[in-house]
Amino acid sequence: MDLRDSEMHLPYPSLAGLKRNRRQCELIFGAYSGKDSELTAITQYVYHELIFESLGYSDIAAQYEQIFIDEMRHLSLLGNAIIKLGGDPVYAVMPRGFWTASFVTYSSEPCRMLLDDIAAETAGIKGYKAVLPQLGDTPLAALIQRIIMDEERHLAAFKAMYADIAG
């Protein structure tokens, strides 16, 4: 699966009309900068992209680049949502503590990296789906649904890459 050919061009929903809401802010903070967050995904996928490139897997590295660019967009969108909800988009793990690079898996064997990233996408999707019913019919829920679409595409891409490597 080549993400460059199948990249989704659907727009992300507007957050216009989103009002201060501490509970919703708390609900999405884990996806923003928790252990199974967009921030963790970005750092892990950049690391894995570098390793794949160094091992001569330039096609896989290019797909990783497309994925971590999507994750950066998600981080920015969630950060903007946190601000509109009345929060401060610091890289924190609620209720206290800060994001840490220890959340990243630093595997460097190709199959292991892909399995780690399949697990990361699976956990991210599960987290988003757990939060979604608590958001009701809101602009934030629409954004989360759109992000889930990207994450499911990333998961399918990682599975396809794994199938290619594992043979």
Protein backbone atom coordinates (compact mmCIF):
# COMPACT_ATOMS: atom_id res chain seq x y z
CA MET A 1 0.00 0.00 0.00
CA ASP A 2 1.62 3.22 -1.13
CA LEU A 3 0.23 6.15 0.84
CA ARG A 4 1.37 8.62 -1.77
CA ASP A 5 -1.09 7.07 -4.22
CA SER A 6 -4.00 6.61 -1.80
CA GLU A 7 -3.65 9.71 0.34
CA MET A 8 -7.00 10.91 1.55
CA HIS A 9 -7.90 14.38 0.41
CA LEU A 10 -10.94 14.82 2.60
CA PRO A 11 -10.87 18.05 4.56
CA TYR A 12 -10.73 18.09 8.33
CA PRO A 13 -13.88 19.43 9.99
CA SER A 14 -13.87 23.00 11.22
CA LEU A 15 -13.63 23.63 14.94
CA ALA A 16 -15.67 26.83 14.59
CA GLY A 17 -18.23 26.95 17.33
CA LEU A 18 -16.14 24.90 19.74
CA LYS A 19 -16.48 26.47 23.20
CA ARG A 20 -14.62 26.16 26.46
CA ASN A 21 -15.21 22.71 27.90
CA ARG A 22 -12.80 21.36 30.47
CA ARG A 23 -14.17 17.80 30.29
CA GLN A 24 -13.73 17.55 26.51
CA CYS A 25 -10.25 19.05 26.85
CA GLU A 26 -9.31 16.35 29.35
CA LEU A 27 -10.79 13.65 27.13
CA ILE A 28 -8.55 14.49 24.16
CA PHE A 29 -5.35 15.29 26.04
CA GLY A 30 -4.23 11.66 26.05
CA ALA A 31 -4.50 11.54 22.25
CA TYR A 32 -2.51 14.76 22.06
CA SER A 33 0.43 13.95 24.31
CA GLY A 34 -0.14 10.78 26.30
CA LYS A 35 1.65 7.45 25.93
CA ASP A 36 -0.45 6.41 22.92
CA SER A 37 -0.60 9.91 21.45
CA GLU A 38 0.02 11.77 18.24
CA LEU A 39 3.22 13.17 19.78
CA THR A 40 4.50 9.69 20.57
CA ALA A 41 3.55 8.46 17.10
CA ILE A 42 5.42 11.32 15.43
CA THR A 43 8.64 10.72 17.33
CA GLN A 44 8.46 6.94 16.99
CA TYR A 45 7.69 7.05 13.27
CA VAL A 46 10.46 9.56 12.55
CA TYR A 47 12.90 7.29 14.37
CA HIS A 48 11.67 4.23 12.46
CA GLU A 49 11.80 6.15 9.16
CA LEU A 50 15.46 6.97 9.83
CA ILE A 51 16.26 3.34 10.63
CA PHE A 52 14.43 1.99 7.58
CA GLU A 53 16.27 4.50 5.37
CA SER A 54 19.62 3.48 6.88
CA LEU A 55 18.82 -0.19 6.19
CA GLY A 56 18.08 0.52 2.53
CA TYR A 57 14.28 0.38 2.69
CA SER A 58 13.75 3.74 1.00
CA ASP A 59 10.22 2.90 -0.21
CA ILE A 60 9.12 2.06 3.32
CA ALA A 61 10.90 5.14 4.68
CA ALA A 62 8.96 7.31 2.22
CA GLN A 63 5.67 5.83 3.46
CA TYR A 64 6.69 6.53 7.04
CA GLU A 65 7.32 10.14 6.10
CA GLN A 66 3.78 10.47 4.73
CA ILE A 67 2.39 8.91 7.91
CA PHE A 68 4.30 11.11 10.33
CA ILE A 69 3.27 14.20 8.35
CA ASP A 70 -0.37 13.13 8.89
CA GLU A 71 0.37 12.65 12.59
CA MET A 72 1.87 16.16 12.77
CA ARG A 73 -1.34 17.53 11.27
CA HIS A 74 -3.34 15.62 13.89
CA LEU A 75 -1.17 17.01 16.69
CA SER A 76 -1.71 20.55 15.46
CA LEU A 77 -5.47 20.06 15.09
CA LEU A 78 -5.77 18.58 18.58
CA GLY A 79 -3.60 21.38 19.99
CA ASN A 80 -5.91 23.97 18.42
CA ALA A 81 -8.91 22.13 19.84
CA ILE A 82 -7.33 22.13 23.30
CA ILE A 83 -6.86 25.91 23.09
CA LYS A 84 -10.48 26.47 21.97
CA LEU A 85 -11.65 24.23 24.81
CA GLY A 86 -9.77 26.46 27.27
CA GLY A 87 -6.68 24.32 27.80
CA ASP A 88 -2.96 24.83 27.36
CA PRO A 89 -1.47 22.49 24.73
CA VAL A 90 1.63 21.61 26.72
CA TYR A 91 3.09 18.15 26.17
CA ALA A 92 1.71 16.75 29.37
CA VAL A 93 0.17 13.51 30.54
CA MET A 94 -2.95 14.21 32.51
CA PRO A 95 -3.55 14.60 35.37
CA ARG A 96 0.12 15.46 35.98
CA GLY A 97 3.48 14.87 34.46
CA PHE A 98 5.01 15.57 31.12
CA TRP A 99 5.37 13.61 27.92
CA THR A 100 8.57 11.58 27.85
CA ALA A 101 10.63 10.00 25.10
CA SER A 102 10.43 6.75 27.05
CA PHE A 103 6.96 6.34 25.46
CA VAL A 104 8.72 5.70 22.12
CA THR A 105 9.70 2.16 21.16
CA TYR A 106 13.25 2.20 19.86
CA SER A 107 13.28 -1.14 18.10
CA SER A 108 15.53 -1.24 15.04
CA GLU A 109 14.73 -4.61 13.48
CA PRO A 110 12.34 -4.14 10.52
CA CYS A 111 9.61 -6.61 11.51
CA ARG A 112 9.71 -5.52 15.14
CA MET A 113 9.42 -1.84 14.18
CA LEU A 114 6.37 -2.55 12.06
CA LEU A 115 4.76 -4.69 14.77
CA ASP A 116 5.38 -1.87 17.28
CA ASP A 117 3.79 0.62 14.90
CA ILE A 118 0.82 -1.66 14.21
CA ALA A 119 0.34 -1.84 17.98
CA ALA A 120 0.65 1.96 18.27
CA GLU A 121 -1.97 2.62 15.58
CA THR A 122 -4.28 -0.01 17.08
CA ALA A 123 -3.99 1.60 20.53
CA GLY A 124 -4.54 5.07 19.08
CA ILE A 125 -7.67 4.01 17.22
CA LYS A 126 -8.99 2.26 20.33
CA GLY A 127 -8.39 5.41 22.39
CA TYR A 128 -10.14 7.66 19.90
CA LYS A 129 -13.11 5.29 19.66
CA ALA A 130 -13.40 5.18 23.46
CA VAL A 131 -13.57 8.98 23.66
CA LEU A 132 -15.94 9.49 20.74
CA PRO A 133 -19.24 8.56 22.46
CA GLN A 134 -18.48 11.02 25.26
CA LEU A 135 -18.19 13.93 22.82
CA GLY A 136 -21.73 13.80 21.46
CA ASP A 137 -22.59 15.55 18.20
CA THR A 138 -19.91 18.22 18.31
CA PRO A 139 -17.28 19.67 15.99
CA LEU A 140 -14.70 17.87 18.15
CA ALA A 141 -16.40 14.51 17.56
CA ALA A 142 -16.37 15.18 13.81
CA LEU A 143 -12.65 15.93 13.98
CA ILE A 144 -11.96 12.73 15.94
CA GLN A 145 -13.95 10.70 13.40
CA ARG A 146 -11.88 12.20 10.58
CA ILE A 147 -8.61 11.47 12.42
CA ILE A 148 -9.73 7.86 12.94
CA MET A 149 -10.05 7.53 9.15
CA ASP A 150 -6.38 8.50 8.78
CA GLU A 151 -5.30 6.18 11.58
CA GLU A 152 -7.11 3.24 10.00
CA ARG A 153 -5.33 3.99 6.72
CA HIS A 154 -1.98 4.10 8.57
CA LEU A 155 -2.75 0.78 10.23
CA ALA A 156 -3.53 -0.83 6.86
CA ALA A 157 -0.28 0.58 5.43
CA PHE A 158 1.81 -0.78 8.32
CA LYS A 159 0.16 -4.19 7.96
CA ALA A 160 0.91 -4.21 4.21
CA MET A 161 4.54 -3.21 4.84
CA TYR A 162 4.84 -5.97 7.43
CA ALA A 163 3.41 -8.55 5.01
CA ASP A 164 5.95 -7.46 2.38
CA ILE A 165 8.91 -7.75 4.76
CA ALA A 166 7.84 -10.83 6.72
CA GLY A 167 7.04 -12.62 3.48
